[in-house]
Amino acid sequence: MAKALKSLLNIGLVLFFIVIFSAEAQAEVIAPKIIKLLAQESLSLTGTAPANSEILIYLDGNFVGRAETTFSRLGSARAESAAQLNWRFQSDLIQTLAEGSHVVMAVAQDRTSLVLSAPTSEIKFTVNIVPAPILIAPNEKTATANLKPLITGLTRDNSLVKIFIDGVYNGATGVLRDDSGTANFAYRPTLNLNRGWHKIQAQALSGEQSSLESNTLNFNIELPMPAPTIFKPVANRETSVNRPFIVGLAKNDSRIKIYIDKKYAGELLAKNHLSGTANFAYKPAVALTRGAHSVYTVAVDKRGKASSRSNIVDFSTKNSAIAQSAEEEKKEAIAKIKEPPRASEIKSEPVVISESSGAVIEKAVARPVKPTPEPVMAPETLESINSNLTEKERTIKQELKDKETAALEKVKNLIGTGTAETKSDRGMINEGKENQGRLKLDLILFILFLLGVVAWLLWVNRELVKERRAQTEAEDKLTDDKDYQPGRGRDNKLF
């Protein structure tokens, strides 16, 4: 009996120790933690676990592998039991997963006792072949008054983007392509939005596959700033008719954007005024083409909020009469007007004039000739030659006059009407004759002038001689009167 009780006591002690040690082993294995999960091109998990343990990964309830662990101490002052492991798991299994929702979890196993910890909480993720697009603007920092703000973002190549505004489908872009693999998109709402706050989301669609919803952006549509007021363009001494000043009024601290013929032409800062209304004047950078034009402006404040369009002003530009004529006849003028020959290129051909009649009888040609006796012409032959030359002179004179008239008409067409015309009624031969006669007359007058000067000098000399002679005679007579004594003859002589 005593032996039986002793055996039961031993068995109880063994069972007691077994239960105690098994409980301690179970209590020592702590469940791991999942810190980060990435499910894109591959499945990537990172986390922490207790020391002396291995990490088992389960995907959709199936074991898929063990994580790599690295030892890390919490502090040198702590006990060995306080140490922990950092673990990381990465797998390409995600490429074989079906599209949809999946679950992943981790379990720690003690290396010595092989006791398993409790699993981590389930981490859900979704597999999508088409990634969600990324929205960029408008956002909370966007200042806009546009009721149809431009929505921009990024998406994968060869996909279209659906836009949702305030949770309601608004429209979609076309299929977007880019060689880099990432395409940008821009979408403008189909209808005007109300002023106030709105939120936008996007979803990418490629073929029959769609992505998850993108990030959400919130933005506010504010009241618009006042639109500028412009007036009729001004052309004054500071500019020209084809570069007129675009003038108007706008709110202070406004940047004015100018649009001419619906195209952006430039911008400037309005000059602030104490009244709060600034004025501006913009001069086009390049000359406008001839014809009708239209202009309008848009004001932008410091935050970038733009106003609505200003009033539209129509105006026209015209070129001057000279510029128009020169432009219309540019080709013709270049084709017909020739540069006059240089003086060095003109051959000298002196004219021989008859001494008796003054008519041109021949032109001397500079070529070597043998000396021959000068022929004697009969008066009848000379008269016939002179008459022929007179006819030629008239013909040449008429041709020169016609050419001169044509040239003057051409110049008149180029520089406009109202040009004073000066025409010469003299031909080249008559002009030479008149110049020669004028030279002869000038020579005769010069000779007569010299003769007159000589005669005047002779006359003056003669008068001076007469005056000198009279003065000498008067002095001699005075001397004789002083030497005369009464009662005494001048001719008495002493013997």
Protein backbone atom coordinates (compact mmCIF):
# COMPACT_ATOMS: atom_id res chain seq x y z
CA MET A 1 0.00 0.00 0.00
CA ALA A 2 2.75 2.40 0.82
CA LYS A 3 4.53 1.50 -2.37
CA ALA A 4 1.42 2.26 -4.41
CA LEU A 5 1.00 5.64 -2.82
CA LYS A 6 4.64 6.40 -3.45
CA SER A 7 4.30 5.50 -7.15
CA LEU A 8 1.23 7.67 -7.54
CA LEU A 9 3.07 10.53 -5.89
CA ASN A 10 5.99 10.20 -8.32
CA ILE A 11 3.65 10.10 -11.32
CA GLY A 12 1.87 13.22 -10.07
CA LEU A 13 5.11 15.08 -9.63
CA VAL A 14 6.21 14.19 -13.18
CA LEU A 15 2.91 15.33 -14.62
CA PHE A 16 3.08 18.49 -12.57
CA PHE A 17 6.53 19.37 -13.88
CA ILE A 18 5.52 18.50 -17.45
CA VAL A 19 2.53 20.82 -17.27
CA ILE A 20 4.57 23.60 -15.71
CA PHE A 21 7.40 23.38 -18.24
CA SER A 22 5.02 23.16 -21.19
CA ALA A 23 3.16 26.24 -19.97
CA GLU A 24 6.41 28.13 -19.63
CA ALA A 25 7.41 27.13 -23.17
CA GLN A 26 4.08 28.27 -24.49
CA ALA A 27 4.40 31.59 -22.67
CA GLU A 28 7.91 32.28 -23.93
CA VAL A 29 6.99 32.32 -27.72
CA ILE A 30 5.57 35.73 -28.50
CA ALA A 31 3.68 36.45 -31.71
CA PRO A 32 5.66 38.44 -34.32
CA LYS A 33 4.65 41.84 -35.68
CA ILE A 34 4.19 42.95 -39.31
CA ILE A 35 5.41 46.52 -39.69
CA LYS A 36 5.26 47.12 -43.44
CA LEU A 37 3.67 45.42 -46.44
CA LEU A 38 4.20 46.20 -50.12
CA ALA A 39 2.24 44.37 -52.80
CA GLN A 40 3.28 45.80 -56.16
CA GLU A 41 5.73 44.05 -58.45
CA SER A 42 6.49 41.61 -55.62
CA LEU A 43 5.22 40.82 -52.13
CA SER A 44 7.43 42.39 -49.46
CA LEU A 45 6.95 42.06 -45.66
CA THR A 46 9.05 43.46 -42.82
CA GLY A 47 8.58 43.18 -39.05
CA THR A 48 9.95 42.13 -35.63
CA ALA A 49 9.90 38.89 -33.61
CA PRO A 50 11.30 37.53 -30.31
CA ALA A 51 14.85 36.23 -30.16
CA ASN A 52 15.67 32.59 -30.95
CA SER A 53 12.69 32.20 -33.25
CA GLU A 54 11.92 31.65 -36.89
CA ILE A 55 9.20 33.45 -38.85
CA LEU A 56 6.76 31.42 -40.91
CA ILE A 57 4.75 33.27 -43.61
CA TYR A 58 1.24 32.15 -44.60
CA LEU A 59 -0.52 33.53 -47.73
CA ASP A 60 -4.25 32.89 -48.02
CA GLY A 61 -3.82 30.22 -45.27
CA ASN A 62 -0.98 28.41 -47.05
CA PHE A 63 2.65 28.30 -45.91
CA VAL A 64 4.80 30.11 -48.55
CA GLY A 65 8.20 30.43 -46.85
CA ARG A 66 10.40 31.53 -44.00
CA ALA A 67 11.57 35.11 -43.44
CA GLU A 68 15.19 36.18 -43.15
CA THR A 69 16.05 37.32 -39.64
CA THR A 70 18.73 39.58 -38.20
CA PHE A 71 19.59 39.83 -34.50
CA SER A 72 19.02 43.17 -32.74
CA ARG A 73 19.43 44.09 -29.04
CA LEU A 74 17.16 46.59 -27.35
CA GLY A 75 19.99 47.72 -25.05
CA SER A 76 23.20 46.49 -23.45
CA ALA A 77 21.75 46.81 -19.94
CA ARG A 78 18.85 44.49 -20.67
CA ALA A 79 18.85 40.80 -20.36
CA GLU A 80 19.40 38.36 -23.18
CA SER A 81 15.74 37.50 -23.13
CA ALA A 82 14.86 41.08 -24.00
CA ALA A 83 16.61 40.84 -27.39
CA GLN A 84 14.48 40.75 -30.57
CA LEU A 85 14.82 39.90 -34.24
CA ASN A 86 14.17 42.00 -37.32
CA TRP A 87 12.82 39.94 -40.18
CA ARG A 88 12.12 40.51 -43.87
CA PHE A 89 10.27 38.42 -46.42
CA GLN A 90 10.11 39.01 -50.20
CA SER A 91 8.56 36.82 -52.88
CA ASP A 92 7.47 37.01 -56.51
CA LEU A 93 4.39 34.91 -55.82
CA ILE A 94 2.24 37.99 -56.24
CA GLN A 95 2.65 37.73 -60.00
CA THR A 96 0.89 34.36 -59.91
CA LEU A 97 -1.97 35.51 -57.73
CA ALA A 98 -5.38 36.14 -59.14
CA GLU A 99 -6.74 39.65 -59.21
CA GLY A 100 -8.63 40.49 -56.08
CA SER A 101 -8.26 40.48 -52.30
CA HIS A 102 -5.70 38.30 -50.47
CA VAL A 103 -4.62 37.71 -46.83
CA VAL A 104 -1.12 37.34 -45.36
CA MET A 105 0.01 36.57 -41.77
CA ALA A 106 3.15 35.51 -39.87
CA VAL A 107 3.83 32.96 -37.07
CA ALA A 108 6.93 32.71 -34.83
CA GLN A 109 8.43 29.30 -33.96
CA ASP A 110 10.90 28.75 -31.11
CA ARG A 111 14.11 27.21 -32.44
CA THR A 112 14.63 25.01 -29.34
CA SER A 113 11.20 23.77 -28.41
CA LEU A 114 9.68 24.23 -31.91
CA VAL A 115 6.70 25.76 -30.18
CA LEU A 116 4.61 28.00 -32.42
CA SER A 117 3.35 31.41 -31.41
CA ALA A 118 -0.07 32.73 -32.09
CA PRO A 119 -0.42 34.14 -35.63
CA THR A 120 -0.38 37.85 -36.31
CA SER A 121 -3.53 39.64 -37.27
CA GLU A 122 -4.47 39.11 -40.90
CA ILE A 123 -3.19 41.73 -43.31
CA LYS A 124 -5.33 42.13 -46.40
CA PHE A 125 -4.10 43.44 -49.76
CA THR A 126 -5.45 43.57 -53.29
CA VAL A 127 -3.73 42.44 -56.44
CA ASN A 128 -4.30 44.77 -59.42
CA ILE A 129 -2.40 44.53 -62.68
CA VAL A 130 -3.33 48.16 -63.43
CA PRO A 131 -1.97 50.50 -60.71
CA ALA A 132 -4.08 53.34 -59.44
CA PRO A 133 -3.41 56.74 -61.02
CA ILE A 134 -1.89 59.61 -59.06
CA LEU A 135 -3.73 62.94 -58.89
CA ILE A 136 -1.60 66.10 -58.74
CA ALA A 137 -3.87 69.13 -59.07
CA PRO A 138 -6.03 70.93 -58.10
CA ASN A 139 -5.37 70.59 -54.38
CA GLU A 140 -5.91 72.51 -51.16
CA LYS A 141 -3.19 75.04 -52.07
CA THR A 142 -4.68 75.77 -55.49
CA ALA A 143 -6.22 79.24 -55.83
CA THR A 144 -8.74 79.21 -58.66
CA ALA A 145 -12.02 80.77 -59.63
CA ASN A 146 -12.44 78.62 -62.73
CA LEU A 147 -15.70 76.67 -62.62
CA LYS A 148 -14.05 74.04 -64.82
CA PRO A 149 -10.62 73.58 -63.20
CA LEU A 150 -8.01 71.53 -65.01
CA ILE A 151 -7.39 68.16 -63.33
CA THR A 152 -3.89 66.72 -63.87
CA GLY A 153 -2.07 63.57 -62.80
CA LEU A 154 -0.05 60.48 -63.78
CA THR A 155 -1.09 57.01 -64.89
CA ARG A 156 0.40 53.88 -66.45
CA ASP A 157 1.06 53.80 -70.16
CA ASN A 158 -1.71 52.47 -72.45
CA SER A 159 -4.53 53.19 -70.01
CA LEU A 160 -7.38 55.68 -69.69
CA VAL A 161 -8.45 57.51 -66.54
CA LYS A 162 -11.96 57.88 -65.15
CA ILE A 163 -12.61 61.02 -63.09
CA PHE A 164 -14.98 61.13 -60.11
CA ILE A 165 -15.96 64.53 -58.64
CA ASP A 166 -17.70 64.52 -55.27
CA GLY A 167 -18.16 60.75 -55.64
CA VAL A 168 -19.96 61.05 -58.98
CA TYR A 169 -18.52 59.88 -62.30
CA ASN A 170 -17.81 62.97 -64.45
CA GLY A 171 -15.94 61.66 -67.49
CA ALA A 172 -12.82 59.95 -68.77
CA THR A 173 -9.70 60.72 -70.72
CA GLY A 174 -8.63 58.99 -73.88
CA VAL A 175 -6.10 56.18 -73.94
CA LEU A 176 -2.78 57.63 -72.78
CA ARG A 177 0.61 56.46 -74.06
CA ASP A 178 4.19 57.35 -73.23
CA ASP A 179 7.49 55.65 -74.03
CA SER A 180 8.67 56.01 -70.43
CA GLY A 181 5.85 53.77 -69.18
CA THR A 182 4.19 56.57 -67.20
CA ALA A 183 1.86 58.99 -68.98
CA ASN A 184 0.48 62.28 -67.71
CA PHE A 185 -3.14 63.28 -68.16
CA ALA A 186 -5.23 66.46 -68.07
CA TYR A 187 -9.00 66.54 -67.75
CA ARG A 188 -11.48 69.43 -67.62
CA PRO A 189 -14.99 68.86 -66.20
CA THR A 190 -17.83 68.68 -68.68
CA LEU A 191 -20.10 71.01 -66.66
CA ASN A 192 -19.47 74.01 -64.43
CA LEU A 193 -18.91 73.20 -60.76
CA ASN A 194 -20.40 75.18 -57.91
CA ARG A 195 -18.21 77.53 -55.94
CA GLY A 196 -16.88 75.99 -52.75
CA TRP A 197 -15.05 72.82 -51.74
CA HIS A 198 -14.95 69.67 -53.88
CA LYS A 199 -13.08 66.35 -53.90
CA ILE A 200 -11.82 64.37 -56.85
CA GLN A 201 -10.74 60.76 -57.33
CA ALA A 202 -9.55 58.80 -60.35
CA GLN A 203 -9.42 55.21 -61.56
CA ALA A 204 -7.28 53.75 -64.34
CA LEU A 205 -8.67 51.30 -66.89
CA SER A 206 -6.57 49.15 -69.23
CA GLY A 207 -8.51 46.75 -71.40
CA GLU A 208 -10.90 44.88 -69.11
CA GLN A 209 -8.82 45.46 -66.00
CA SER A 210 -9.30 48.42 -63.70
CA SER A 211 -7.24 49.82 -60.85
CA LEU A 212 -8.22 50.82 -57.36
CA GLU A 213 -9.26 54.39 -56.68
CA SER A 214 -6.49 56.94 -56.61
CA ASN A 215 -5.60 59.36 -53.87
CA THR A 216 -8.25 61.95 -53.03
CA LEU A 217 -7.68 65.67 -53.57
CA ASN A 218 -9.75 68.47 -52.07
CA PHE A 219 -9.89 71.94 -53.62
CA ASN A 220 -11.86 75.15 -53.33
CA ILE A 221 -13.37 77.22 -56.14
CA GLU A 222 -13.23 80.84 -54.96
CA LEU A 223 -14.98 83.98 -56.11
CA PRO A 224 -13.23 85.42 -59.18
CA MET A 225 -11.14 88.56 -59.04
CA PRO A 226 -12.45 91.53 -61.09
CA ALA A 227 -11.76 91.31 -64.80
CA PRO A 228 -9.73 94.14 -66.40
CA THR A 229 -11.30 96.81 -68.57
CA ILE A 230 -9.51 97.75 -71.77
CA PHE A 231 -9.99 100.65 -74.17
CA LYS A 232 -9.25 101.32 -77.80
CA PRO A 233 -5.51 100.92 -78.55
CA VAL A 234 -3.51 104.15 -78.66
CA ALA A 235 -0.78 105.12 -81.15
CA ASN A 236 1.29 108.22 -80.31
CA ARG A 237 4.83 109.56 -80.60
CA GLU A 238 6.16 106.73 -78.44
CA THR A 239 5.04 104.00 -80.84
CA SER A 240 3.60 103.35 -84.31
CA VAL A 241 0.24 102.40 -85.78
CA ASN A 242 1.24 98.76 -86.16
CA ARG A 243 2.47 98.56 -82.54
CA PRO A 244 -0.23 100.44 -80.61
CA PHE A 245 -0.43 100.61 -76.83
CA ILE A 246 -3.01 98.22 -75.30
CA VAL A 247 -4.37 100.31 -72.41
CA GLY A 248 -6.81 99.57 -69.61
CA LEU A 249 -7.61 99.37 -65.90
CA ALA A 250 -7.26 96.50 -63.42
CA LYS A 251 -7.11 95.76 -59.69
CA ASN A 252 -3.89 96.57 -57.81
CA ASP A 253 -1.19 93.86 -57.65
CA SER A 254 -2.43 92.28 -60.87
CA ARG A 255 -0.41 90.64 -63.58
CA ILE A 256 -2.09 91.36 -66.90
CA LYS A 257 -1.92 88.75 -69.66
CA ILE A 258 -2.52 90.10 -73.17
CA TYR A 259 -4.17 88.04 -75.91
CA ILE A 260 -4.15 89.41 -79.47
CA ASP A 261 -6.22 87.53 -82.05
CA LYS A 262 -6.87 84.86 -79.36
CA LYS A 263 -3.14 84.17 -78.99
CA TYR A 264 -0.96 84.95 -75.97
CA ALA A 265 1.12 88.05 -76.77
CA GLY A 266 2.75 88.92 -73.44
CA GLU A 267 2.13 90.12 -69.91
CA LEU A 268 3.02 92.95 -67.56
CA LEU A 269 2.47 94.13 -63.99
CA ALA A 270 -0.16 96.80 -63.50
CA LYS A 271 1.04 100.04 -61.90
CA ASN A 272 -0.63 100.28 -58.47
CA HIS A 273 -2.69 103.31 -57.50
CA LEU A 274 -3.92 104.64 -54.15
CA SER A 275 -7.50 104.19 -55.31
CA GLY A 276 -7.00 100.43 -55.64
CA THR A 277 -7.49 100.51 -59.41
CA ALA A 278 -4.29 100.32 -61.43
CA ASN A 279 -3.70 101.30 -65.04
CA PHE A 280 -1.56 99.52 -67.60
CA ALA A 281 -0.23 100.05 -71.12
CA TYR A 282 1.27 97.20 -73.13
CA LYS A 283 3.25 97.65 -76.36
CA PRO A 284 3.39 94.56 -78.64
CA ALA A 285 6.86 93.07 -78.96
CA VAL A 286 6.56 92.78 -82.75
CA ALA A 287 4.69 94.79 -85.34
CA LEU A 288 1.19 93.58 -86.13
CA THR A 289 0.21 92.65 -89.66
CA ARG A 290 -1.92 95.00 -91.67
CA GLY A 291 -5.64 94.46 -91.18
CA ALA A 292 -8.22 93.86 -88.46
CA HIS A 293 -7.29 92.56 -85.00
CA SER A 294 -8.97 91.87 -81.65
CA VAL A 295 -7.56 92.00 -78.13
CA TYR A 296 -8.65 90.95 -74.65
CA THR A 297 -6.87 90.56 -71.29
CA VAL A 298 -6.92 88.36 -68.18
CA ALA A 299 -5.78 89.48 -64.70
CA VAL A 300 -3.91 87.14 -62.32
CA ASP A 301 -3.35 87.91 -58.63
CA LYS A 302 -0.31 87.07 -56.49
CA ARG A 303 -1.65 83.59 -55.61
CA GLY A 304 -2.21 82.72 -59.25
CA LYS A 305 -6.01 83.11 -59.31
CA ALA A 306 -7.12 84.36 -62.71
CA SER A 307 -10.06 86.56 -63.56
CA SER A 308 -12.50 86.05 -66.38
CA ARG A 309 -11.80 87.60 -69.76
CA SER A 310 -12.05 91.33 -70.15
CA ASN A 311 -14.10 93.04 -72.79
CA ILE A 312 -12.95 92.41 -76.36
CA VAL A 313 -11.77 95.42 -78.40
CA ASP A 314 -11.52 95.31 -82.18
CA PHE A 315 -9.06 97.55 -84.04
CA SER A 316 -7.18 97.69 -87.33
CA THR A 317 -3.67 98.59 -88.40
CA LYS A 318 -2.60 100.16 -91.68
CA ASN A 319 0.79 100.63 -93.28
CA SER A 320 1.90 103.98 -94.67
CA ALA A 321 1.41 104.74 -98.39
CA ILE A 322 5.14 104.47 -99.05
CA ALA A 323 5.40 101.10 -97.33
CA GLN A 324 2.35 99.77 -99.18
CA SER A 325 3.63 100.89 -102.59
CA ALA A 326 7.10 99.55 -101.91
CA GLU A 327 5.69 96.20 -100.78
CA GLU A 328 3.39 95.85 -103.79
CA GLU A 329 6.05 96.73 -106.38
CA LYS A 330 9.09 95.28 -104.69
CA LYS A 331 9.67 92.53 -107.22
CA GLU A 332 8.95 94.73 -110.22
CA ALA A 333 11.27 97.47 -108.96
CA ILE A 334 14.09 95.02 -108.42
CA ALA A 335 13.62 93.56 -111.88
CA LYS A 336 13.57 96.81 -113.85
CA ILE A 337 15.71 99.36 -112.03
CA LYS A 338 19.38 99.01 -112.89
CA GLU A 339 22.40 100.54 -111.24
CA PRO A 340 23.83 103.43 -113.29
CA PRO A 341 27.29 102.79 -114.77
CA ARG A 342 30.28 104.14 -112.93
CA ALA A 343 32.15 107.13 -114.25
CA SER A 344 35.27 105.02 -114.73
CA GLU A 345 33.32 102.60 -116.96
CA ILE A 346 32.03 105.32 -119.33
CA LYS A 347 34.13 105.58 -122.44
CA SER A 348 35.18 109.08 -123.32
CA GLU A 349 34.10 110.09 -126.80
CA PRO A 350 34.86 113.78 -127.37
CA VAL A 351 32.59 115.67 -129.73
CA VAL A 352 33.98 117.63 -132.68
CA ILE A 353 32.05 120.83 -133.42
CA SER A 354 32.24 122.85 -136.61
CA GLU A 355 33.79 126.27 -136.12
CA SER A 356 31.63 127.87 -138.75
CA SER A 357 28.17 126.54 -137.87
CA GLY A 358 28.66 125.13 -134.38
CA ALA A 359 27.05 121.80 -135.39
CA VAL A 360 28.41 118.39 -134.49
CA ILE A 361 30.13 116.82 -137.48
CA GLU A 362 31.61 113.64 -135.96
CA LYS A 363 32.67 111.84 -132.77
CA ALA A 364 36.33 111.18 -132.23
CA VAL A 365 37.05 107.51 -131.59
CA ALA A 366 40.16 106.68 -129.64
CA ARG A 367 41.83 104.29 -132.11
CA PRO A 368 45.10 104.52 -133.95
CA VAL A 369 44.76 105.94 -137.48
CA LYS A 370 47.22 106.92 -140.08
CA PRO A 371 47.69 110.63 -140.58
CA THR A 372 45.87 111.72 -143.70
CA PRO A 373 45.34 115.14 -145.15
CA GLU A 374 42.15 116.76 -143.91
CA PRO A 375 39.53 116.70 -146.65
CA VAL A 376 37.82 119.84 -147.68
CA MET A 377 34.04 119.60 -147.72
CA ALA A 378 31.77 121.56 -149.93
CA PRO A 379 29.24 123.84 -148.23
CA GLU A 380 26.32 121.76 -149.59
CA THR A 381 27.73 118.55 -148.08
CA LEU A 382 28.30 120.22 -144.74
CA GLU A 383 24.73 121.53 -144.66
CA SER A 384 23.31 118.10 -145.46
CA ILE A 385 25.38 116.53 -142.70
CA ASN A 386 24.24 119.19 -140.28
CA SER A 387 20.61 118.60 -141.21
CA ASN A 388 21.01 114.84 -140.71
CA LEU A 389 22.68 115.43 -137.38
CA THR A 390 19.85 117.76 -136.38
CA GLU A 391 17.33 114.98 -137.05
CA LYS A 392 19.43 112.56 -135.02
CA GLU A 393 19.65 115.10 -132.23
CA ARG A 394 15.88 115.40 -132.14
CA THR A 395 15.51 111.62 -132.14
CA ILE A 396 18.06 111.19 -129.35
CA LYS A 397 16.46 114.03 -127.43
CA GLN A 398 13.02 112.41 -127.70
CA GLU A 399 14.35 109.00 -126.63
CA LEU A 400 16.11 110.52 -123.62
CA LYS A 401 12.97 112.42 -122.72
CA ASP A 402 10.85 109.25 -122.93
CA LYS A 403 13.31 107.30 -120.76
CA GLU A 404 13.46 110.16 -118.28
CA THR A 405 9.67 110.34 -118.12
CA ALA A 406 9.40 106.58 -117.57
CA ALA A 407 12.00 106.71 -114.79
CA LEU A 408 10.20 109.60 -113.10
CA GLU A 409 6.89 107.74 -113.29
CA LYS A 410 8.54 104.70 -111.71
CA VAL A 411 9.96 106.74 -108.85
CA LYS A 412 6.61 108.46 -108.45
CA ASN A 413 4.86 105.11 -108.07
CA LEU A 414 7.43 104.02 -105.45
CA ILE A 415 7.29 107.10 -103.23
CA GLY A 416 3.66 108.11 -103.74
CA THR A 417 1.75 110.83 -105.50
CA GLY A 418 2.41 114.54 -105.18
CA THR A 419 6.05 114.28 -106.15
CA ALA A 420 7.38 117.34 -107.87
CA GLU A 421 8.60 116.55 -111.36
CA THR A 422 11.53 118.26 -113.02
CA LYS A 423 12.10 117.55 -116.64
CA SER A 424 14.98 118.71 -118.77
CA ASP A 425 14.11 120.22 -122.14
CA ARG A 426 17.68 120.04 -123.30
CA GLY A 427 19.39 117.18 -125.01
CA MET A 428 22.97 116.16 -124.46
CA ILE A 429 24.23 117.81 -127.66
CA ASN A 430 22.33 121.11 -127.18
CA GLU A 431 23.50 121.22 -123.59
CA GLY A 432 27.12 120.88 -124.74
CA LYS A 433 26.70 123.67 -127.24
CA GLU A 434 25.11 126.00 -124.71
CA ASN A 435 27.81 125.22 -122.15
CA GLN A 436 30.50 125.98 -124.74
CA GLY A 437 28.82 129.28 -125.71
CA ARG A 438 28.48 130.21 -122.06
CA LEU A 439 32.20 129.58 -121.55
CA LYS A 440 33.07 131.83 -124.49
CA LEU A 441 30.84 134.60 -123.16
CA ASP A 442 32.40 134.28 -119.70
CA LEU A 443 35.88 134.50 -121.22
CA ILE A 444 34.99 137.67 -123.19
CA LEU A 445 33.48 139.28 -120.12
CA PHE A 446 36.59 138.41 -118.11
CA ILE A 447 38.87 139.94 -120.76
CA LEU A 448 36.75 143.10 -120.89
CA PHE A 449 36.93 143.30 -117.10
CA LEU A 450 40.73 143.08 -117.21
CA LEU A 451 40.90 145.76 -119.91
CA GLY A 452 38.67 148.00 -117.83
CA VAL A 453 40.87 147.52 -114.79
CA VAL A 454 44.01 148.33 -116.82
CA ALA A 455 42.39 151.44 -118.32
CA TRP A 456 41.29 152.58 -114.88
CA LEU A 457 44.81 152.14 -113.54
CA LEU A 458 46.25 154.11 -116.46
CA TRP A 459 43.75 156.90 -115.94
CA VAL A 460 44.49 157.05 -112.22
CA ASN A 461 48.23 157.15 -112.94
CA ARG A 462 47.75 159.91 -115.45
CA GLU A 463 45.72 161.97 -113.02
CA LEU A 464 48.35 161.48 -110.35
CA VAL A 465 51.08 162.63 -112.74
CA LYS A 466 49.08 165.75 -113.63
CA GLU A 467 48.47 166.51 -110.00
CA ARG A 468 52.13 166.04 -109.17
CA ARG A 469 53.19 168.27 -112.03
CA ALA A 470 50.79 171.03 -110.98
CA GLN A 471 52.04 170.80 -107.42
CA THR A 472 55.66 171.06 -108.59
CA GLU A 473 54.90 174.13 -110.70
CA ALA A 474 53.14 175.77 -107.77
CA GLU A 475 56.12 175.18 -105.52
CA ASP A 476 58.53 176.59 -108.13
CA LYS A 477 56.45 179.71 -108.52
CA LEU A 478 56.36 180.25 -104.80
CA THR A 479 60.13 179.94 -104.64
CA ASP A 480 60.58 182.53 -107.40
CA ASP A 481 58.37 185.01 -105.59
CA LYS A 482 60.47 184.76 -102.43
CA ASP A 483 63.71 185.42 -104.33
CA TYR A 484 62.42 188.62 -106.10
CA GLN A 485 63.55 192.12 -104.66
CA PRO A 486 62.12 195.50 -105.85
CA GLY A 487 64.48 197.85 -107.85
CA ARG A 488 66.72 195.12 -108.62
CA GLY A 489 66.48 193.28 -111.86
CA ARG A 490 66.96 189.66 -111.92
CA ASP A 491 69.02 189.85 -115.12
CA ASN A 492 71.63 192.41 -113.88
CA LYS A 493 75.09 191.13 -114.25
CA LEU A 494 78.37 192.33 -112.74
CA PHE A 495 81.10 192.96 -115.28
